[in-house]
PDB file of N, CA and C in Angstrom:
ATOM      1  N   MET A   1       0.847  -1.177   0.000  1.00  0.00           N
ATOM      2  CA  MET A   1       0.000   0.000   0.000  1.00  0.00           C
ATOM      3  C   MET A   1       0.896   1.246   0.000  1.00  0.00           C
ATOM      4  N   GLU A   2       0.488   2.245  -0.745  1.00  0.00           N
ATOM      5  CA  GLU A   2       1.222   3.505  -0.807  1.00  0.00           C
ATOM      6  C   GLU A   2       0.763   4.432   0.311  1.00  0.00           C
ATOM      7  N   HIS A   3       1.712   5.088   0.945  1.00  0.00           N
ATOM      8  CA  HIS A   3       1.421   6.043   2.004  1.00  0.00           C
ATOM      9  C   HIS A   3       2.001   7.404   1.623  1.00  0.00           C
ATOM     10  N   THR A   4       1.363   8.450   2.135  1.00  0.00           N
ATOM     11  CA  THR A   4       1.801   9.818   1.888  1.00  0.00           C
ATOM     12  C   THR A   4       1.675  10.618   3.176  1.00  0.00           C
ATOM     13  N   MET A   5       2.634  11.498   3.418  1.00  0.00           N
ATOM     14  CA  MET A   5       2.534  12.421   4.544  1.00  0.00           C
ATOM     15  C   MET A   5       1.716  13.623   4.093  1.00  0.00           C
ATOM     16  N   ARG A   6       0.802  14.083   4.964  1.00  0.00           N
ATOM     17  CA  ARG A   6       0.008  15.286   4.647  1.00  0.00           C
ATOM     18  C   ARG A   6       0.033  16.208   5.856  1.00  0.00           C
ATOM     19  N   ALA A   7       0.013  17.504   5.572  1.00  0.00           N
ATOM     20  CA  ALA A   7       0.108  18.518   6.616  1.00  0.00           C
ATOM     21  C   ALA A   7      -1.228  18.806   7.284  1.00  0.00           C
ATOM     22  N   GLU A   8      -1.133  19.096   8.575  1.00  0.00           N
ATOM     23  CA  GLU A   8      -2.244  19.684   9.334  1.00  0.00           C
ATOM     24  C   GLU A   8      -1.770  21.089   9.692  1.00  0.00           C
ATOM     25  N   TYR A   9      -2.611  22.078   9.510  1.00  0.00           N
ATOM     26  CA  TYR A   9      -2.223  23.466   9.713  1.00  0.00           C
ATOM     27  C   TYR A   9      -2.773  24.026  11.020  1.00  0.00           C
ATOM     28  N   THR A  10      -2.104  25.082  11.534  1.00  0.00           N
ATOM     29  CA  THR A  10      -2.576  25.737  12.750  1.00  0.00           C
ATOM     30  C   THR A  10      -3.839  26.530  12.449  1.00  0.00           C
ATOM     31  N   GLU A  11      -4.637  26.773  13.476  1.00  0.00           N
ATOM     32  CA  GLU A  11      -5.857  27.561  13.300  1.00  0.00           C
ATOM     33  C   GLU A  11      -5.525  29.046  13.155  1.00  0.00           C
ATOM     34  N   ASP A  12      -4.473  29.501  13.846  1.00  0.00           N
ATOM     35  CA  ASP A  12      -4.089  30.918  13.813  1.00  0.00           C
ATOM     36  C   ASP A  12      -3.521  31.337  12.467  1.00  0.00           C
ATOM     37  N   ASP A  13      -2.738  30.440  11.849  1.00  0.00           N
ATOM     38  CA  ASP A  13      -2.093  30.748  10.569  1.00  0.00           C
ATOM     39  C   ASP A  13      -2.328  29.560   9.641  1.00  0.00           C
ATOM     40  N   PRO A  14      -3.266  29.678   8.714  1.00  0.00           N
ATOM     41  CA  PRO A  14      -3.627  28.537   7.864  1.00  0.00           C
ATOM     42  C   PRO A  14      -2.519  28.078   6.914  1.00  0.00           C
ATOM     43  N   ASP A  15      -1.375  28.763   6.910  1.00  0.00           N
ATOM     44  CA  ASP A  15      -0.254  28.340   6.081  1.00  0.00           C
ATOM     45  C   ASP A  15       0.878  27.726   6.908  1.00  0.00           C
ATOM     46  N   ARG A  16       0.727  27.706   8.216  1.00  0.00           N
ATOM     47  CA  ARG A  16       1.768  27.172   9.110  1.00  0.00           C
ATOM     48  C   ARG A  16       1.430  25.729   9.491  1.00  0.00           C
ATOM     49  N   VAL A  17       2.368  24.819   9.241  1.00  0.00           N
ATOM     50  CA  VAL A  17       2.144  23.402   9.540  1.00  0.00           C
ATOM     51  C   VAL A  17       2.225  23.174  11.039  1.00  0.00           C
ATOM     52  N   ARG A  18       1.183  22.551  11.584  1.00  0.00           N
ATOM     53  CA  ARG A  18       1.149  22.174  12.996  1.00  0.00           C
ATOM     54  C   ARG A  18       1.809  20.809  13.177  1.00  0.00           C
ATOM     55  N   SER A  19       1.447  19.883  12.295  1.00  0.00           N
ATOM     56  CA  SER A  19       2.021  18.542  12.372  1.00  0.00           C
ATOM     57  C   SER A  19       1.818  17.822  11.037  1.00  0.00           C
ATOM     58  N   TRP A  20       2.498  16.711  10.898  1.00  0.00           N
ATOM     59  CA  TRP A  20       2.388  15.869   9.707  1.00  0.00           C
ATOM     60  C   TRP A  20       1.691  14.578  10.086  1.00  0.00           C
ATOM     61  N   HIS A  21       0.793  14.153   9.215  1.00  0.00           N
ATOM     62  CA  HIS A  21       0.038  12.916   9.403  1.00  0.00           C
ATOM     63  C   HIS A  21       0.332  11.981   8.238  1.00  0.00           C
ATOM     64  N   MET A  22       0.046  10.718   8.429  1.00  0.00           N
ATOM     65  CA  MET A  22       0.201   9.733   7.371  1.00  0.00           C
ATOM     66  C   MET A  22      -1.182   9.376   6.853  1.00  0.00           C
ATOM     67  N   VAL A  23      -1.298   9.308   5.529  1.00  0.00           N
ATOM     68  CA  VAL A  23      -2.545   8.886   4.895  1.00  0.00           C
ATOM     69  C   VAL A  23      -2.250   7.708   3.976  1.00  0.00           C
ATOM     70  N   ARG A  24      -3.279   6.936   3.709  1.00  0.00           N
ATOM     71  CA  ARG A  24      -3.158   5.837   2.738  1.00  0.00           C
ATOM     72  C   ARG A  24      -3.497   6.399   1.363  1.00  0.00           C
ATOM     73  N   GLY A  25      -2.586   6.199   0.431  1.00  0.00           N
ATOM     74  CA  GLY A  25      -2.808   6.677  -0.930  1.00  0.00           C
ATOM     75  C   GLY A  25      -2.951   8.180  -0.984  1.00  0.00           C
ATOM     76  N   THR A  26      -4.027   8.654  -1.605  1.00  0.00           N
ATOM     77  CA  THR A  26      -4.252  10.090  -1.755  1.00  0.00           C
ATOM     78  C   THR A  26      -5.397  10.587  -0.875  1.00  0.00           C
ATOM     79  N   SER A  27      -5.738   9.833   0.121  1.00  0.00           N
ATOM     80  CA  SER A  27      -6.831  10.183   1.022  1.00  0.00           C
ATOM     81  C   SER A  27      -6.572  11.522   1.716  1.00  0.00           C
ATOM     82  N   THR A  28      -7.636  12.177   2.156  1.00  0.00           N
ATOM     83  CA  THR A  28      -7.497  13.381   2.965  1.00  0.00           C
ATOM     84  C   THR A  28      -7.839  13.100   4.425  1.00  0.00           C
ATOM     85  N   THR A  29      -8.018  11.838   4.753  1.00  0.00           N
ATOM     86  CA  THR A  29      -8.240  11.438   6.140  1.00  0.00           C
ATOM     87  C   THR A  29      -6.985  10.743   6.647  1.00  0.00           C
ATOM     88  N   ALA A  30      -6.424  11.286   7.723  1.00  0.00           N
ATOM     89  CA  ALA A  30      -5.209  10.716   8.303  1.00  0.00           C
ATOM     90  C   ALA A  30      -5.500   9.336   8.887  1.00  0.00           C
ATOM     91  N   MET A  31      -4.468   8.546   9.032  1.00  0.00           N
ATOM     92  CA  MET A  31      -4.634   7.207   9.600  1.00  0.00           C
ATOM     93  C   MET A  31      -5.160   7.282  11.032  1.00  0.00           C
ATOM     94  N   CYS A  32      -4.916   8.408  11.724  1.00  0.00           N
ATOM     95  CA  CYS A  32      -5.426   8.585  13.089  1.00  0.00           C
ATOM     96  C   CYS A  32      -6.893   9.003  13.091  1.00  0.00           C
ATOM     97  N   GLY A  33      -7.456   9.300  11.900  1.00  0.00           N
ATOM     98  CA  GLY A  33      -8.856   9.680  11.785  1.00  0.00           C
ATOM     99  C   GLY A  33      -9.092  11.157  11.577  1.00  0.00           C
ATOM    100  N   LYS A  34      -8.066  11.990  11.702  1.00  0.00           N
ATOM    101  CA  LYS A  34      -8.231  13.434  11.530  1.00  0.00           C
ATOM    102  C   LYS A  34      -8.483  13.766  10.064  1.00  0.00           C
ATOM    103  N   ALA A  35      -9.472  14.619   9.822  1.00  0.00           N
ATOM    104  CA  ALA A  35      -9.768  15.093   8.467  1.00  0.00           C
ATOM    105  C   ALA A  35      -8.807  16.230   8.143  1.00  0.00           C
ATOM    106  N   LEU A  36      -8.127  16.119   7.014  1.00  0.00           N
ATOM    107  CA  LEU A  36      -7.152  17.120   6.592  1.00  0.00           C
ATOM    108  C   LEU A  36      -7.681  17.891   5.388  1.00  0.00           C
ATOM    109  N   ARG A  37      -7.181  19.104   5.218  1.00  0.00           N
ATOM    110  CA  ARG A  37      -7.593  19.918   4.073  1.00  0.00           C
ATOM    111  C   ARG A  37      -7.246  19.217   2.770  1.00  0.00           C
ATOM    112  N   ALA A  38      -8.111  19.349   1.786  1.00  0.00           N
ATOM    113  CA  ALA A  38      -7.870  18.732   0.475  1.00  0.00           C
ATOM    114  C   ALA A  38      -6.644  19.326  -0.201  1.00  0.00           C
ATOM    115  N   ASP A  39      -6.323  20.586   0.101  1.00  0.00           N
ATOM    116  CA  ASP A  39      -5.162  21.235  -0.502  1.00  0.00           C
ATOM    117  C   ASP A  39      -3.922  21.184   0.388  1.00  0.00           C
ATOM    118  N   ALA A  40      -3.945  20.333   1.412  1.00  0.00           N
ATOM    119  CA  ALA A  40      -2.803  20.225   2.329  1.00  0.00           C
ATOM    120  C   ALA A  40      -1.562  19.743   1.588  1.00  0.00           C
ATOM    121  N   ALA A  41      -0.421  20.285   2.001  1.00  0.00           N
ATOM    122  CA  ALA A  41       0.848  19.863   1.412  1.00  0.00           C
ATOM    123  C   ALA A  41       1.033  18.364   1.618  1.00  0.00           C
ATOM    124  N   ALA A  42       1.646  17.725   0.633  1.00  0.00           N
ATOM    125  CA  ALA A  42       1.895  16.290   0.701  1.00  0.00           C
ATOM    126  C   ALA A  42       3.375  16.028   0.461  1.00  0.00           C
ATOM    127  N   ARG A  43       3.883  15.004   1.129  1.00  0.00           N
ATOM    128  CA  ARG A  43       5.279  14.588   0.979  1.00  0.00           C
ATOM    129  C   ARG A  43       5.339  13.068   0.902  1.00  0.00           C
ATOM    130  N   SER A  44       6.442  12.591   0.410  1.00  0.00           N
ATOM    131  CA  SER A  44       6.689  11.154   0.368  1.00  0.00           C
ATOM    132  C   SER A  44       6.791  10.608   1.788  1.00  0.00           C
ATOM    133  N   ASP A  45       6.394   9.360   1.978  1.00  0.00           N
ATOM    134  CA  ASP A  45       6.514   8.750   3.299  1.00  0.00           C
ATOM    135  C   ASP A  45       7.975   8.512   3.695  1.00  0.00           C
ATOM    136  N   ALA A  46       8.910   8.682   2.760  1.00  0.00           N
ATOM    137  CA  ALA A  46      10.328   8.520   3.069  1.00  0.00           C
ATOM    138  C   ALA A  46      10.796   9.538   4.110  1.00  0.00           C
ATOM    139  N   GLY A  47      10.077  10.654   4.242  1.00  0.00           N
ATOM    140  CA  GLY A  47      10.448  11.678   5.201  1.00  0.00           C
ATOM    141  C   GLY A  47       9.903  11.463   6.598  1.00  0.00           C
ATOM    142  N   TRP A  48       9.147  10.383   6.800  1.00  0.00           N
ATOM    143  CA  TRP A  48       8.562  10.132   8.113  1.00  0.00           C
ATOM    144  C   TRP A  48       9.672   9.969   9.139  1.00  0.00           C
ATOM    145  N   GLY A  49       9.596  10.716  10.211  1.00  0.00           N
ATOM    146  CA  GLY A  49      10.578  10.621  11.277  1.00  0.00           C
ATOM    147  C   GLY A  49      11.718  11.615  11.165  1.00  0.00           C
ATOM    148  N   ASP A  50      11.774  12.396  10.074  1.00  0.00           N
ATOM    149  CA  ASP A  50      12.849  13.383   9.929  1.00  0.00           C
ATOM    150  C   ASP A  50      12.821  14.411  11.057  1.00  0.00           C
ATOM    151  N   ASP A  51      11.653  14.817  11.479  1.00  0.00           N
ATOM    152  CA  ASP A  51      11.492  15.753  12.591  1.00  0.00           C
ATOM    153  C   ASP A  51      10.400  15.190  13.505  1.00  0.00           C
ATOM    154  N   PRO A  52      10.784  14.300  14.428  1.00  0.00           N
ATOM    155  CA  PRO A  52       9.790  13.609  15.257  1.00  0.00           C
ATOM    156  C   PRO A  52       8.829  14.530  15.994  1.00  0.00           C
ATOM    157  N   SER A  53       9.248  15.735  16.338  1.00  0.00           N
ATOM    158  CA  SER A  53       8.363  16.641  17.065  1.00  0.00           C
ATOM    159  C   SER A  53       7.184  17.107  16.218  1.00  0.00           C
ATOM    160  N   MET A  54       7.284  16.952  14.902  1.00  0.00           N
ATOM    161  CA  MET A  54       6.220  17.390  13.992  1.00  0.00           C
ATOM    162  C   MET A  54       5.339  16.232  13.508  1.00  0.00           C
ATOM    163  N   MET A  55       5.594  15.020  13.966  1.00  0.00           N
ATOM    164  CA  MET A  55       4.873  13.853  13.468  1.00  0.00           C
ATOM    165  C   MET A  55       3.758  13.432  14.433  1.00  0.00           C
ATOM    166  N   CYS A  56       2.628  13.053  13.879  1.00  0.00           N
ATOM    167  CA  CYS A  56       1.524  12.518  14.678  1.00  0.00           C
ATOM    168  C   CYS A  56       1.926  11.136  15.200  1.00  0.00           C
ATOM    169  N   HIS A  57       1.922  10.984  16.503  1.00  0.00           N
ATOM    170  CA  HIS A  57       2.335   9.720  17.119  1.00  0.00           C
ATOM    171  C   HIS A  57       1.420   8.567  16.717  1.00  0.00           C
ATOM    172  N   THR A  58       0.130   8.806  16.697  1.00  0.00           N
ATOM    173  CA  THR A  58      -0.825   7.747  16.355  1.00  0.00           C
ATOM    174  C   THR A  58      -0.650   7.296  14.909  1.00  0.00           C
ATOM    175  N   CYS A  59      -0.523   8.249  13.989  1.00  0.00           N
ATOM    176  CA  CYS A  59      -0.291   7.892  12.586  1.00  0.00           C
ATOM    177  C   CYS A  59       0.997   7.071  12.452  1.00  0.00           C
ATOM    178  N   GLY A  60       2.033   7.495  13.180  1.00  0.00           N
ATOM    179  CA  GLY A  60       3.303   6.795  13.108  1.00  0.00           C
ATOM    180  C   GLY A  60       3.199   5.350  13.559  1.00  0.00           C
ATOM    181  N   ALA A  61       2.479   5.120  14.650  1.00  0.00           N
ATOM    182  CA  ALA A  61       2.325   3.754  15.150  1.00  0.00           C
ATOM    183  C   ALA A  61       1.574   2.879  14.143  1.00  0.00           C
ATOM    184  N   LEU A  62       0.522   3.426  13.552  1.00  0.00           N
ATOM    185  CA  LEU A  62      -0.236   2.652  12.564  1.00  0.00           C
ATOM    186  C   LEU A  62       0.566   2.436  11.291  1.00  0.00           C
ATOM    187  N   TYR A  63       1.277   3.457  10.853  1.00  0.00           N
ATOM    188  CA  TYR A  63       2.109   3.364   9.647  1.00  0.00           C
ATOM    189  C   TYR A  63       3.170   2.276   9.805  1.00  0.00           C
ATOM    190  N   LEU A  64       3.837   2.258  10.953  1.00  0.00           N
ATOM    191  CA  LEU A  64       4.905   1.268  11.165  1.00  0.00           C
ATOM    192  C   LEU A  64       4.384  -0.166  11.174  1.00  0.00           C
ATOM    193  N   ARG A  65       3.108  -0.345  11.476  1.00  0.00           N
ATOM    194  CA  ARG A  65       2.519  -1.685  11.443  1.00  0.00           C
ATOM    195  C   ARG A  65       2.191  -2.132  10.007  1.00  0.00           C
ATOM    196  N   GLU A  66       2.157  -1.168   9.070  1.00  0.00           N
ATOM    197  CA  GLU A  66       1.777  -1.489   7.698  1.00  0.00           C
ATOM    198  C   GLU A  66       2.955  -1.579   6.726  1.00  0.00           C
ATOM    199  N   VAL A  67       4.102  -1.078   7.124  1.00  0.00           N
ATOM    200  CA  VAL A  67       5.253  -1.096   6.212  1.00  0.00           C
ATOM    201  C   VAL A  67       6.298  -2.083   6.714  1.00  0.00           C
ATOM    202  N   PRO A  68       7.010  -2.688   5.776  1.00  0.00           N
ATOM    203  CA  PRO A  68       8.031  -3.662   6.198  1.00  0.00           C
ATOM    204  C   PRO A  68       9.219  -2.999   6.861  1.00  0.00           C
TER     205      PRO A  68
END
């Protein structure tokens, strides 16, 4: 299955990334269940863990169970 990182933005500044979530394919729903903006920035899953403070812990746990 293909995974993609998608941004969640702050409420105060809609262009500032609050955290990164993992989605399956091109979905706009994070693996943790959070609904993300359709125009949210997307990145390859290869970047997961580059900045742990910005990663959703729940998405990370589910993602690691799905990838070898």
